Structure formats: C-alpha cells, structure tokens
C-alpha cells in the first residue's frame, strides 16, 4: 500500500515508540491522528513535528478502557482528517509488579491491565473497522511485547500481551480480505515510559546480538506491515535474539 496521503490513527503516541512511528509515517507522507491520556502537552509537540513535515495532524483524548471513548475517538479522527486507512494499537499500561507477587496483583490491577492492553485494542479496532473497510486496503498493527511469549515482567502485562498476539491472528481472519492485521513484538525498548526492571546491560548480555532493539527498529517494522499487500496474521519479534537465548 502506498502510504502517501493515507491517514493513520496511533493510540498512545505522545512519546516513546508511538511518537517515533508518527514521525516516520509523516516522513512518507501520511497524515496522522494521535491519542493521549494525561499527556496532552507532549501530544501537542508530536503534532507540531508532524505538521512541520507538511502533513496534517490531530490530537484526541482516548481512554481505551471505556467503549464510548473508543468509538468517539475514531469518529473524531475521521471527522478531522477525512478518512482512516491505518490503525496502530500502541497504547498500553504496565503495572510494575513482579510475576511471583500474586498478593499485590489485585483484581483491580488485573482488570485495568487487561482492559487497557487487550480489550482496548479490540474496541478501537472494532470502531475503526468500518472506516478501514471503506478504503478496501486497511491496515491494523498491534504493538505487543516479548513478555507475551515468555513469562517475564508483570504477570498481568504478560497475559494481556499474549492475548493481544492471538487477538491479532483472530482479527486477521475476521477482517479479511480488505484489512490486514499484524503485530510487532518488541523486546526491551529504551526511551519508553516503562522499560522493565531488568538493567539494559543484562538484557544486552542475554541477546544473541548483544544489544537491545531501538524505537526506530520497531517503527520501521510497523511501516513495513502498513506497506505490504501480502502479510496478515503475523507477529514479528524484534528483540535482538533474546527470546531464543
């Protein structure tokens, strides 16, 4: 798919990976809507960067634990930018609790994590699907994480990201043939609001390539999924070989 003059909606794009994806999409000519939840000033700055590249931008509040907010956000983005071709489900919440600490993992924390990281992408995708189908060449890219493949970090985050990986496969079936749905599965990423408790040096030592992936590494894969006309239902790991070592 040619990305010039397409419209993308990126959830949670006020910093970190989402902002880098927005920047790269603007570089190839895409107009970009981004969502925020409590980081509006940062979102305004991301929009300035997009507009400095000659692309249109739009900033909208989203609480993806709220179905009404998911519907309203998508409609607002379409009204502002005229159409919707690409959805990037990037927003997430990470309760910083180690897996063995079951007593601290309250039902409230569990529900917020699953509602944000798994139900939220489903609700936003469901709201976006009719608009994506109108273009007959829509794209959905979910951002999961290697904690969805191996039991590390927070138990609630790991389970929600594992669910997001399988949700990707199910949505690829549900939305075919007009919408391609894929998932990027990053390892530890520096420059995000939560990078985990394991020191970066230890993560590099665990990896086959003795490094950690960059935000740009992951964002380039997102763009590849958006551009490709032949990939759907895939979960692509970018972690410098950590999950295999």
C-alpha atoms as a PDB file:
ATOM      1  CA  UNK A   1       0.000   0.000   0.000  1.00  0.00           C
ATOM      2  CA  UNK A   2       1.273   3.436  -0.901  1.00  0.00           C
ATOM      3  CA  UNK A   3       1.324   5.485   2.326  1.00  0.00           C
ATOM      4  CA  UNK A   4       1.367   8.987   0.899  1.00  0.00           C
ATOM      5  CA  UNK A   5      -1.857  10.894   1.714  1.00  0.00           C
ATOM      6  CA  UNK A   6      -3.191   7.997   3.780  1.00  0.00           C
ATOM      7  CA  UNK A   7      -4.499   8.656   7.299  1.00  0.00           C
ATOM      8  CA  UNK A   8      -3.248   6.813  10.376  1.00  0.00           C
ATOM      9  CA  UNK A   9      -4.561   6.750  13.944  1.00  0.00           C
ATOM     10  CA  UNK A  10      -1.951   5.863  16.579  1.00  0.00           C
ATOM     11  CA  UNK A  11      -3.050   5.273  20.163  1.00  0.00           C
ATOM     12  CA  UNK A  12      -0.734   6.398  22.935  1.00  0.00           C
ATOM     13  CA  UNK A  13       1.568   8.357  20.635  1.00  0.00           C
ATOM     14  CA  UNK A  14       2.562  11.240  22.921  1.00  0.00           C
ATOM     15  CA  UNK A  15       6.073   9.875  23.403  1.00  0.00           C
ATOM     16  CA  UNK A  16       8.323   6.848  23.043  1.00  0.00           C
ATOM     17  CA  UNK A  17       7.505   4.344  20.313  1.00  0.00           C
ATOM     18  CA  UNK A  18       4.201   5.923  19.273  1.00  0.00           C
ATOM     19  CA  UNK A  19       5.853   9.282  18.624  1.00  0.00           C
ATOM     20  CA  UNK A  20       8.610   7.659  16.551  1.00  0.00           C
ATOM     21  CA  UNK A  21       6.024   5.776  14.475  1.00  0.00           C
ATOM     22  CA  UNK A  22       4.101   9.017  13.935  1.00  0.00           C
ATOM     23  CA  UNK A  23       7.273  10.768  12.818  1.00  0.00           C
ATOM     24  CA  UNK A  24       8.193   8.004  10.354  1.00  0.00           C
ATOM     25  CA  UNK A  25       4.686   7.893   8.895  1.00  0.00           C
ATOM     26  CA  UNK A  26       4.757  11.654   8.389  1.00  0.00           C
ATOM     27  CA  UNK A  27       8.120  11.272   6.629  1.00  0.00           C
ATOM     28  CA  UNK A  28       6.493   9.059   3.972  1.00  0.00           C
ATOM     29  CA  UNK A  29       3.535  11.388   3.521  1.00  0.00           C
ATOM     30  CA  UNK A  30       0.896  10.025   5.907  1.00  0.00           C
ATOM     31  CA  UNK A  31      -1.452  12.293   7.847  1.00  0.00           C
ATOM     32  CA  UNK A  32      -1.536  11.230  11.496  1.00  0.00           C
ATOM     33  CA  UNK A  33      -4.024  11.365  14.358  1.00  0.00           C
ATOM     34  CA  UNK A  34      -2.660  10.533  17.802  1.00  0.00           C
ATOM     35  CA  UNK A  35      -4.313   9.895  21.145  1.00  0.00           C
ATOM     36  CA  UNK A  36      -3.358  10.937  24.638  1.00  0.00           C
ATOM     37  CA  UNK A  37      -4.409  10.070  28.171  1.00  0.00           C
ATOM     38  CA  UNK A  38      -2.977  12.683  30.516  1.00  0.00           C
ATOM     39  CA  UNK A  39      -0.020  13.749  28.352  1.00  0.00           C
ATOM     40  CA  UNK A  40      -1.676  16.396  26.207  1.00  0.00           C
ATOM     41  CA  UNK A  41       1.288  18.804  26.086  1.00  0.00           C
ATOM     42  CA  UNK A  42       3.564  16.060  24.768  1.00  0.00           C
ATOM     43  CA  UNK A  43       0.908  15.208  22.194  1.00  0.00           C
ATOM     44  CA  UNK A  44       0.779  18.815  21.007  1.00  0.00           C
ATOM     45  CA  UNK A  45       4.534  18.676  20.445  1.00  0.00           C
ATOM     46  CA  UNK A  46       4.267  15.447  18.419  1.00  0.00           C
ATOM     47  CA  UNK A  47       1.598  17.105  16.262  1.00  0.00           C
ATOM     48  CA  UNK A  48       3.907  20.057  15.660  1.00  0.00           C
ATOM     49  CA  UNK A  49       6.567  17.679  14.353  1.00  0.00           C
ATOM     50  CA  UNK A  50       4.051  16.057  12.014  1.00  0.00           C
ATOM     51  CA  UNK A  51       2.835  19.388  10.666  1.00  0.00           C
ATOM     52  CA  UNK A  52       6.415  20.614  10.200  1.00  0.00           C
ATOM     53  CA  UNK A  53       6.766  17.829   7.630  1.00  0.00           C
ATOM     54  CA  UNK A  54       3.791  19.182   5.687  1.00  0.00           C
ATOM     55  CA  UNK A  55       1.314  16.591   6.962  1.00  0.00           C
ATOM     56  CA  UNK A  56      -1.978  17.072   8.795  1.00  0.00           C
ATOM     57  CA  UNK A  57      -2.243  16.055  12.448  1.00  0.00           C
ATOM     58  CA  UNK A  58      -4.967  15.649  15.031  1.00  0.00           C
ATOM     59  CA  UNK A  59      -4.773  15.127  18.793  1.00  0.00           C
ATOM     60  CA  UNK A  60      -7.637  13.445  20.640  1.00  0.00           C
ATOM     61  CA  UNK A  61      -8.195  12.149  24.161  1.00  0.00           C
ATOM     62  CA  UNK A  62      -8.708   8.387  24.493  1.00  0.00           C
ATOM     63  CA  UNK A  63      -9.471   6.187  27.470  1.00  0.00           C
ATOM     64  CA  UNK A  64      -9.454   2.785  25.843  1.00  0.00           C
ATOM     65  CA  UNK A  65     -10.909   1.120  28.934  1.00  0.00           C
ATOM     66  CA  UNK A  66     -14.138   2.967  28.014  1.00  0.00           C
ATOM     67  CA  UNK A  67     -16.035   1.648  24.958  1.00  0.00           C
ATOM     68  CA  UNK A  68     -17.727   5.012  24.397  1.00  0.00           C
ATOM     69  CA  UNK A  69     -14.364   6.764  24.354  1.00  0.00           C
ATOM     70  CA  UNK A  70     -13.036   4.276  21.783  1.00  0.00           C
ATOM     71  CA  UNK A  71     -15.977   4.935  19.458  1.00  0.00           C
ATOM     72  CA  UNK A  72     -15.795   8.706  19.917  1.00  0.00           C
ATOM     73  CA  UNK A  73     -12.030   8.826  19.322  1.00  0.00           C
ATOM     74  CA  UNK A  74     -12.247   7.019  15.996  1.00  0.00           C
ATOM     75  CA  UNK A  75     -15.158   9.167  14.819  1.00  0.00           C
ATOM     76  CA  UNK A  76     -13.338  12.357  15.827  1.00  0.00           C
ATOM     77  CA  UNK A  77     -10.195  11.320  13.930  1.00  0.00           C
ATOM     78  CA  UNK A  78     -12.196  10.524  10.784  1.00  0.00           C
ATOM     79  CA  UNK A  79     -14.080  13.806  11.004  1.00  0.00           C
ATOM     80  CA  UNK A  80     -10.838  15.758  11.443  1.00  0.00           C
ATOM     81  CA  UNK A  81      -8.760  14.069   8.734  1.00  0.00           C
ATOM     82  CA  UNK A  82     -11.442  12.851   6.340  1.00  0.00           C
ATOM     83  CA  UNK A  83     -10.788   9.112   6.290  1.00  0.00           C
ATOM     84  CA  UNK A  84      -8.947   6.302   8.071  1.00  0.00           C
ATOM     85  CA  UNK A  85      -6.551   3.845   6.435  1.00  0.00           C
ATOM     86  CA  UNK A  86      -4.271   2.688   9.251  1.00  0.00           C
ATOM     87  CA  UNK A  87      -4.745   1.913  12.940  1.00  0.00           C
ATOM     88  CA  UNK A  88      -1.745   1.403  15.225  1.00  0.00           C
ATOM     89  CA  UNK A  89      -2.766  -0.006  18.631  1.00  0.00           C
ATOM     90  CA  UNK A  90       0.180   1.193  20.700  1.00  0.00           C
ATOM     91  CA  UNK A  91      -1.307   2.451  23.986  1.00  0.00           C
ATOM     92  CA  UNK A  92      -0.706   0.201  26.997  1.00  0.00           C
ATOM     93  CA  UNK A  93      -0.495   0.167  30.768  1.00  0.00           C
ATOM     94  CA  UNK A  94       2.186  -1.692  32.709  1.00  0.00           C
ATOM     95  CA  UNK A  95       1.625  -2.499  36.390  1.00  0.00           C
ATOM     96  CA  UNK A  96       5.183  -2.807  37.696  1.00  0.00           C
ATOM     97  CA  UNK A  97       4.678  -5.965  39.733  1.00  0.00           C
ATOM     98  CA  UNK A  98       6.986  -8.992  39.501  1.00  0.00           C
ATOM     99  CA  UNK A  99       5.319 -12.235  38.433  1.00  0.00           C
ATOM    100  CA  UNK A 100       5.716 -14.033  41.824  1.00  0.00           C
ATOM    101  CA  UNK A 101       3.974 -11.215  43.728  1.00  0.00           C
ATOM    102  CA  UNK A 102       0.444 -12.542  43.346  1.00  0.00           C
ATOM    103  CA  UNK A 103      -0.841 -10.873  46.513  1.00  0.00           C
ATOM    104  CA  UNK A 104      -0.088  -7.403  45.151  1.00  0.00           C
ATOM    105  CA  UNK A 105      -1.792  -8.205  41.864  1.00  0.00           C
ATOM    106  CA  UNK A 106      -5.271  -7.154  42.931  1.00  0.00           C
ATOM    107  CA  UNK A 107      -8.395  -7.774  40.841  1.00  0.00           C
ATOM    108  CA  UNK A 108      -8.488  -4.035  40.147  1.00  0.00           C
ATOM    109  CA  UNK A 109      -4.936  -4.016  38.727  1.00  0.00           C
ATOM    110  CA  UNK A 110      -5.650  -7.174  36.722  1.00  0.00           C
ATOM    111  CA  UNK A 111      -8.828  -5.686  35.247  1.00  0.00           C
ATOM    112  CA  UNK A 112      -7.184  -2.372  34.350  1.00  0.00           C
ATOM    113  CA  UNK A 113      -4.301  -4.140  32.637  1.00  0.00           C
ATOM    114  CA  UNK A 114      -6.492  -6.487  30.596  1.00  0.00           C
ATOM    115  CA  UNK A 115      -8.996  -3.753  29.800  1.00  0.00           C
ATOM    116  CA  UNK A 116      -6.274  -1.397  28.598  1.00  0.00           C
ATOM    117  CA  UNK A 117      -3.909  -3.787  26.848  1.00  0.00           C
ATOM    118  CA  UNK A 118      -6.283  -6.353  25.359  1.00  0.00           C
ATOM    119  CA  UNK A 119      -9.918  -5.256  25.411  1.00  0.00           C
ATOM    120  CA  UNK A 120      -8.904  -1.701  24.452  1.00  0.00           C
ATOM    121  CA  UNK A 121      -7.223  -2.624  21.140  1.00  0.00           C
ATOM    122  CA  UNK A 122     -10.216  -4.820  20.310  1.00  0.00           C
ATOM    123  CA  UNK A 123     -12.665  -1.980  20.968  1.00  0.00           C
ATOM    124  CA  UNK A 124     -10.666   0.569  18.981  1.00  0.00           C
ATOM    125  CA  UNK A 125     -10.254  -1.879  16.089  1.00  0.00           C
ATOM    126  CA  UNK A 126     -13.974  -2.669  16.108  1.00  0.00           C
ATOM    127  CA  UNK A 127     -14.762   1.046  15.957  1.00  0.00           C
ATOM    128  CA  UNK A 128     -12.224   1.627  13.185  1.00  0.00           C
ATOM    129  CA  UNK A 129     -13.108  -1.402  11.040  1.00  0.00           C
ATOM    130  CA  UNK A 130     -16.000   0.158   9.045  1.00  0.00           C
ATOM    131  CA  UNK A 131     -13.794   3.115   8.080  1.00  0.00           C
ATOM    132  CA  UNK A 132     -10.830   0.900   7.200  1.00  0.00           C
ATOM    133  CA  UNK A 133     -13.059  -1.325   5.045  1.00  0.00           C
ATOM    134  CA  UNK A 134     -14.220   1.672   3.020  1.00  0.00           C
ATOM    135  CA  UNK A 135     -10.690   2.011   1.666  1.00  0.00           C
ATOM    136  CA  UNK A 136     -10.617  -1.732   0.815  1.00  0.00           C
ATOM    137  CA  UNK A 137      -6.956  -1.705   1.803  1.00  0.00           C
ATOM    138  CA  UNK A 138      -6.924  -1.043   5.536  1.00  0.00           C
ATOM    139  CA  UNK A 139      -4.151  -1.850   7.971  1.00  0.00           C
ATOM    140  CA  UNK A 140      -4.124  -2.644  11.694  1.00  0.00           C
ATOM    141  CA  UNK A 141      -0.817  -3.051  13.526  1.00  0.00           C
ATOM    142  CA  UNK A 142      -0.814  -4.064  17.190  1.00  0.00           C
ATOM    143  CA  UNK A 143       2.156  -3.468  19.480  1.00  0.00           C
ATOM    144  CA  UNK A 144       2.665  -6.380  21.868  1.00  0.00           C
ATOM    145  CA  UNK A 145       5.908  -7.365  23.621  1.00  0.00           C
ATOM    146  CA  UNK A 146       8.104 -10.379  24.263  1.00  0.00           C
ATOM    147  CA  UNK A 147       6.544 -10.702  27.726  1.00  0.00           C
ATOM    148  CA  UNK A 148       3.612 -12.108  25.744  1.00  0.00           C
ATOM    149  CA  UNK A 149       5.834 -15.010  24.666  1.00  0.00           C
ATOM    150  CA  UNK A 150       7.954 -15.655  27.758  1.00  0.00           C
ATOM    151  CA  UNK A 151       6.962 -15.279  31.446  1.00  0.00           C
ATOM    152  CA  UNK A 152       8.784 -12.117  32.497  1.00  0.00           C
ATOM    153  CA  UNK A 153       7.912  -8.754  33.987  1.00  0.00           C
ATOM    154  CA  UNK A 154       4.389  -8.187  35.232  1.00  0.00           C
ATOM    155  CA  UNK A 155       2.028 -11.171  35.142  1.00  0.00           C
ATOM    156  CA  UNK A 156      -0.943  -9.031  34.103  1.00  0.00           C
ATOM    157  CA  UNK A 157       1.054  -7.313  31.348  1.00  0.00           C
ATOM    158  CA  UNK A 158       2.420 -10.645  30.084  1.00  0.00           C
ATOM    159  CA  UNK A 159      -1.017 -12.241  29.879  1.00  0.00           C
ATOM    160  CA  UNK A 160      -2.566  -9.193  28.196  1.00  0.00           C
ATOM    161  CA  UNK A 161       0.207  -9.054  25.571  1.00  0.00           C
ATOM    162  CA  UNK A 162      -0.092 -12.800  24.929  1.00  0.00           C
ATOM    163  CA  UNK A 163      -3.780 -12.215  24.352  1.00  0.00           C
ATOM    164  CA  UNK A 164      -3.014  -9.312  22.006  1.00  0.00           C
ATOM    165  CA  UNK A 165      -0.805 -11.559  19.870  1.00  0.00           C
ATOM    166  CA  UNK A 166      -3.622 -14.068  19.446  1.00  0.00           C
ATOM    167  CA  UNK A 167      -6.197 -11.302  19.007  1.00  0.00           C
ATOM    168  CA  UNK A 168      -4.072 -10.209  16.028  1.00  0.00           C
ATOM    169  CA  UNK A 169      -4.452 -13.626  14.408  1.00  0.00           C
ATOM    170  CA  UNK A 170      -8.190 -13.732  15.080  1.00  0.00           C
ATOM    171  CA  UNK A 171      -8.744 -10.222  13.726  1.00  0.00           C
ATOM    172  CA  UNK A 172      -6.776 -11.106  10.600  1.00  0.00           C
ATOM    173  CA  UNK A 173      -9.410 -13.769   9.932  1.00  0.00           C
ATOM    174  CA  UNK A 174     -12.340 -11.588  10.951  1.00  0.00           C
ATOM    175  CA  UNK A 175     -11.333  -8.582   8.829  1.00  0.00           C
ATOM    176  CA  UNK A 176     -10.004 -10.333   5.704  1.00  0.00           C
ATOM    177  CA  UNK A 177      -9.721  -9.690   2.830  1.00  0.00           C
ATOM    178  CA  UNK A 178      -9.982  -5.893   2.972  1.00  0.00           C
ATOM    179  CA  UNK A 179      -7.959  -5.286   6.155  1.00  0.00           C
ATOM    180  CA  UNK A 180      -4.544  -6.760   7.009  1.00  0.00           C
ATOM    181  CA  UNK A 181      -3.833  -7.189  10.717  1.00  0.00           C
ATOM    182  CA  UNK A 182      -0.342  -7.785  12.107  1.00  0.00           C
ATOM    183  CA  UNK A 183       1.573  -7.448  15.348  1.00  0.00           C
ATOM    184  CA  UNK A 184       5.041  -6.214  16.256  1.00  0.00           C
ATOM    185  CA  UNK A 185       6.537  -7.883  19.332  1.00  0.00           C
ATOM    186  CA  UNK A 186       9.392  -5.751  20.697  1.00  0.00           C
ATOM    187  CA  UNK A 187      11.859  -6.706  23.381  1.00  0.00           C
ATOM    188  CA  UNK A 188      13.040  -4.166  25.921  1.00  0.00           C
ATOM    189  CA  UNK A 189      12.917  -0.668  24.443  1.00  0.00           C
ATOM    190  CA  UNK A 190      14.887   2.253  25.849  1.00  0.00           C
ATOM    191  CA  UNK A 191      13.191   5.645  25.625  1.00  0.00           C
ATOM    192  CA  UNK A 192       9.732   4.462  26.680  1.00  0.00           C
ATOM    193  CA  UNK A 193       7.773   5.295  29.821  1.00  0.00           C
ATOM    194  CA  UNK A 194       8.280   1.756  31.099  1.00  0.00           C
ATOM    195  CA  UNK A 195      11.287  -0.309  30.173  1.00  0.00           C
ATOM    196  CA  UNK A 196      11.079  -3.002  32.836  1.00  0.00           C
ATOM    197  CA  UNK A 197      13.161  -3.667  35.915  1.00  0.00           C
ATOM    198  CA  UNK A 198      15.977  -5.671  34.286  1.00  0.00           C
ATOM    199  CA  UNK A 199      19.029  -3.446  33.646  1.00  0.00           C
ATOM    200  CA  UNK A 200      19.741  -2.699  29.997  1.00  0.00           C
ATOM    201  CA  UNK A 201      23.212  -4.229  30.243  1.00  0.00           C
ATOM    202  CA  UNK A 202      21.731  -7.533  31.421  1.00  0.00           C
ATOM    203  CA  UNK A 203      19.238  -7.560  28.560  1.00  0.00           C
ATOM    204  CA  UNK A 204      22.018  -6.920  26.048  1.00  0.00           C
ATOM    205  CA  UNK A 205      24.046  -9.765  27.525  1.00  0.00           C
ATOM    206  CA  UNK A 206      21.063 -12.131  27.166  1.00  0.00           C
ATOM    207  CA  UNK A 207      20.567 -11.321  23.488  1.00  0.00           C
ATOM    208  CA  UNK A 208      22.257 -13.105  20.604  1.00  0.00           C
ATOM    209  CA  UNK A 209      23.237  -9.777  19.036  1.00  0.00           C
ATOM    210  CA  UNK A 210      24.407  -8.279  22.356  1.00  0.00           C
ATOM    211  CA  UNK A 211      22.166  -5.235  22.006  1.00  0.00           C
ATOM    212  CA  UNK A 212      18.606  -4.141  22.583  1.00  0.00           C
ATOM    213  CA  UNK A 213      16.269  -3.018  19.802  1.00  0.00           C
ATOM    214  CA  UNK A 214      15.732   0.673  19.176  1.00  0.00           C
ATOM    215  CA  UNK A 215      12.457   2.515  18.780  1.00  0.00           C
ATOM    216  CA  UNK A 216      13.415   3.071  15.147  1.00  0.00           C
ATOM    217  CA  UNK A 217      13.896  -0.695  14.615  1.00  0.00           C
ATOM    218  CA  UNK A 218      10.335  -1.332  15.729  1.00  0.00           C
ATOM    219  CA  UNK A 219       8.824   1.656  13.920  1.00  0.00           C
ATOM    220  CA  UNK A 220      10.355   0.517  10.622  1.00  0.00           C
ATOM    221  CA  UNK A 221       8.641  -2.855  11.012  1.00  0.00           C
ATOM    222  CA  UNK A 222       5.333  -1.101  11.637  1.00  0.00           C
ATOM    223  CA  UNK A 223       5.770   0.802   8.376  1.00  0.00           C
ATOM    224  CA  UNK A 224       6.618  -2.423   6.553  1.00  0.00           C
ATOM    225  CA  UNK A 225       3.372  -4.010   7.762  1.00  0.00           C
ATOM    226  CA  UNK A 226       1.476  -0.935   6.579  1.00  0.00           C
ATOM    227  CA  UNK A 227       3.119  -1.004   3.152  1.00  0.00           C
ATOM    228  CA  UNK A 228       2.903  -4.735   2.471  1.00  0.00           C
ATOM    229  CA  UNK A 229      -0.024  -6.136   0.493  1.00  0.00           C
ATOM    230  CA  UNK A 230       0.818  -9.770   1.305  1.00  0.00           C
ATOM    231  CA  UNK A 231       1.262 -10.048   5.087  1.00  0.00           C
ATOM    232  CA  UNK A 232      -1.517 -10.613   7.612  1.00  0.00           C
ATOM    233  CA  UNK A 233      -1.974 -12.508  10.876  1.00  0.00           C
ATOM    234  CA  UNK A 234       1.721 -12.332  11.736  1.00  0.00           C
ATOM    235  CA  UNK A 235       3.546 -11.495  14.974  1.00  0.00           C
ATOM    236  CA  UNK A 236       7.092 -10.310  14.272  1.00  0.00           C
ATOM    237  CA  UNK A 237       9.580 -10.365  17.156  1.00  0.00           C
ATOM    238  CA  UNK A 238      12.200  -7.602  17.323  1.00  0.00           C
ATOM    239  CA  UNK A 239      14.409  -8.240  20.336  1.00  0.00           C
ATOM    240  CA  UNK A 240      17.962  -8.887  19.058  1.00  0.00           C
ATOM    241  CA  UNK A 241      17.503 -12.601  19.671  1.00  0.00           C
ATOM    242  CA  UNK A 242      16.641 -12.570  23.366  1.00  0.00           C
ATOM    243  CA  UNK A 243      13.654 -14.957  23.272  1.00  0.00           C
ATOM    244  CA  UNK A 244      15.786 -17.602  21.596  1.00  0.00           C
ATOM    245  CA  UNK A 245      18.686 -17.389  24.054  1.00  0.00           C
END
